[in-house]
Amino acid sequence: MKPLSHALLVAIVLLTGCARDAQNAENNEAGSQQTAFDVLIDAGATRELCFESEQGDVVLYRFEADRPLDFNLHYHIEKEIYYPVPAQVTAAEKGQYIVPVDQTYCLMWTINDPAVVSLSTEVNGAGAITWY
């Protein structure tokens, strides 16, 4: 058997990557998006990871921080705010949320500490994601 040339190997790797990117884009459009983020949150700041979801979606979330912070999962209807996961002080959390109605939902972290906090988070099953 003849060894593959360097150019052919590069082409195979690039095509495999393109196929994986196309599959990821297709999965994202189908609502099976998986996202993971590592962020730094400034002292005294609030950050929100908001996502679109439809009724019946099962959203899995988790996070780990290097120190405790205020965390909640909430959504807005007009001027009212609803908290399916009420505020709590924790350095880590994981959960599952079954979406009751088409809506934008937000995971929110607030730093009440005078230091920057490192946060790693992941959300599965959500629609389009926006950071605030």
Protein backbone atom coordinates (compact mmCIF):
# COMPACT_ATOMS: atom_id res chain seq x y z
CA MET A 1 0.00 0.00 0.00
CA LYS A 2 1.36 3.39 -1.00
CA PRO A 3 1.64 6.09 1.75
CA LEU A 4 -0.67 9.12 1.43
CA SER A 5 0.97 12.33 0.33
CA HIS A 6 1.11 15.30 2.70
CA ALA A 7 -1.18 17.34 0.43
CA LEU A 8 -3.78 14.54 0.36
CA LEU A 9 -3.67 14.23 4.16
CA VAL A 10 -4.17 17.99 4.54
CA ALA A 11 -7.12 17.87 2.12
CA ILE A 12 -8.73 15.00 4.06
CA VAL A 13 -8.32 16.84 7.36
CA LEU A 14 -9.77 20.06 5.92
CA LEU A 15 -12.72 18.28 4.33
CA THR A 16 -13.42 16.40 7.56
CA GLY A 17 -13.41 19.71 9.45
CA CYS A 18 -15.77 21.29 6.90
CA ALA A 19 -18.14 18.33 7.20
CA ARG A 20 -18.08 18.63 11.01
CA ASP A 21 -18.73 22.40 10.78
CA ALA A 22 -21.64 21.77 8.40
CA GLN A 23 -23.04 19.13 10.78
CA ASN A 24 -22.69 21.53 13.74
CA ALA A 25 -24.49 24.27 11.80
CA GLU A 26 -27.24 21.80 10.89
CA ASN A 27 -27.54 20.73 14.55
CA ASN A 28 -27.73 24.37 15.66
CA GLU A 29 -30.54 25.05 13.20
CA ALA A 30 -32.36 21.96 14.45
CA GLY A 31 -32.22 23.25 18.04
CA SER A 32 -29.70 20.77 19.40
CA GLN A 33 -27.05 23.44 19.89
CA GLN A 34 -24.41 22.85 22.52
CA THR A 35 -22.46 25.79 23.83
CA ALA A 36 -19.72 26.15 26.41
CA PHE A 37 -18.14 29.38 27.61
CA ASP A 38 -15.30 30.43 29.89
CA VAL A 39 -15.74 34.04 30.99
CA LEU A 40 -14.40 36.46 33.58
CA ILE A 41 -16.98 38.52 35.45
CA ASP A 42 -15.83 41.82 36.95
CA ALA A 43 -16.27 42.55 40.63
CA GLY A 44 -19.76 43.89 41.31
CA ALA A 45 -20.95 43.05 37.78
CA THR A 46 -23.91 41.06 36.46
CA ARG A 47 -23.75 38.81 33.38
CA GLU A 48 -26.62 37.07 31.64
CA LEU A 49 -26.58 34.22 29.16
CA CYS A 50 -29.98 34.42 27.45
CA PHE A 51 -31.42 31.84 25.08
CA GLU A 52 -34.49 31.34 22.96
CA SER A 53 -36.47 28.16 23.61
CA GLU A 54 -39.76 26.65 22.62
CA GLN A 55 -42.37 24.86 24.71
CA GLY A 56 -41.24 21.33 25.51
CA ASP A 57 -37.51 21.98 24.98
CA VAL A 58 -35.33 20.35 27.63
CA VAL A 59 -32.49 22.70 28.49
CA LEU A 60 -29.55 21.31 30.46
CA TYR A 61 -27.25 23.82 32.11
CA ARG A 62 -24.21 23.73 34.36
CA PHE A 63 -21.61 26.12 35.63
CA GLU A 64 -18.59 26.26 37.89
CA ALA A 65 -17.00 29.39 39.30
CA ASP A 66 -13.86 29.93 41.33
CA ARG A 67 -15.89 31.55 44.15
CA PRO A 68 -19.56 31.76 45.12
CA LEU A 69 -21.82 34.17 43.24
CA ASP A 70 -25.55 34.90 42.99
CA PHE A 71 -27.23 32.72 40.34
CA ASN A 72 -30.76 32.43 38.96
CA LEU A 73 -32.68 31.37 35.88
CA HIS A 74 -35.43 33.82 34.91
CA TYR A 75 -37.61 35.16 32.14
CA HIS A 76 -39.63 38.31 31.52
CA ILE A 77 -43.26 38.76 30.53
CA GLU A 78 -43.74 42.47 29.93
CA LYS A 79 -42.50 44.14 33.14
CA GLU A 80 -42.81 41.04 35.34
CA ILE A 81 -39.82 38.78 36.05
CA TYR A 82 -40.36 35.10 36.83
CA TYR A 83 -37.75 32.89 38.51
CA PRO A 84 -38.14 29.16 37.76
CA VAL A 85 -34.75 28.76 39.51
CA PRO A 86 -34.72 31.35 42.32
CA ALA A 87 -31.61 33.31 43.27
CA GLN A 88 -29.06 31.41 45.31
CA VAL A 89 -25.42 31.89 46.28
CA THR A 90 -23.30 29.06 44.90
CA ALA A 91 -20.02 28.33 43.11
CA ALA A 92 -21.49 25.50 41.01
CA GLU A 93 -24.86 24.36 39.78
CA LYS A 94 -26.32 22.01 37.23
CA GLY A 95 -29.91 21.48 36.29
CA GLN A 96 -32.55 20.66 33.76
CA TYR A 97 -35.32 23.05 32.76
CA ILE A 98 -38.33 21.90 30.74
CA VAL A 99 -39.54 24.98 28.89
CA PRO A 100 -43.25 25.64 29.54
CA VAL A 101 -43.77 28.34 26.89
CA ASP A 102 -41.94 29.83 23.88
CA GLN A 103 -39.80 32.50 25.46
CA THR A 104 -36.35 33.99 26.02
CA TYR A 105 -34.83 32.65 29.25
CA CYS A 106 -31.71 33.90 31.03
CA LEU A 107 -29.11 32.38 33.31
CA MET A 108 -27.85 35.27 35.44
CA TRP A 109 -24.78 35.63 37.64
CA THR A 110 -24.13 38.59 39.96
CA ILE A 111 -20.80 39.16 41.68
CA ASN A 112 -21.09 40.66 45.14
CA ASP A 113 -17.41 40.04 45.82
CA PRO A 114 -14.69 42.68 45.31
CA ALA A 115 -12.78 40.31 43.00
CA VAL A 116 -13.08 39.08 39.42
CA VAL A 117 -14.74 35.65 39.14
CA SER A 118 -13.84 33.00 36.57
CA LEU A 119 -16.94 31.18 35.27
CA SER A 120 -17.23 28.09 33.06
CA THR A 121 -20.73 27.35 31.81
CA GLU A 122 -22.44 25.08 29.33
CA VAL A 123 -25.99 25.00 27.98
CA ASN A 124 -27.47 22.15 25.91
CA GLY A 125 -30.82 22.11 24.15
CA ALA A 126 -31.22 25.89 23.93
CA GLY A 127 -31.85 27.97 20.84
CA ALA A 128 -29.93 31.10 19.90
CA ILE A 129 -27.73 32.37 22.74
CA THR A 130 -26.83 35.96 23.57
CA TRP A 131 -24.56 37.29 26.35
CA TYR A 132 -25.40 40.50 28.22
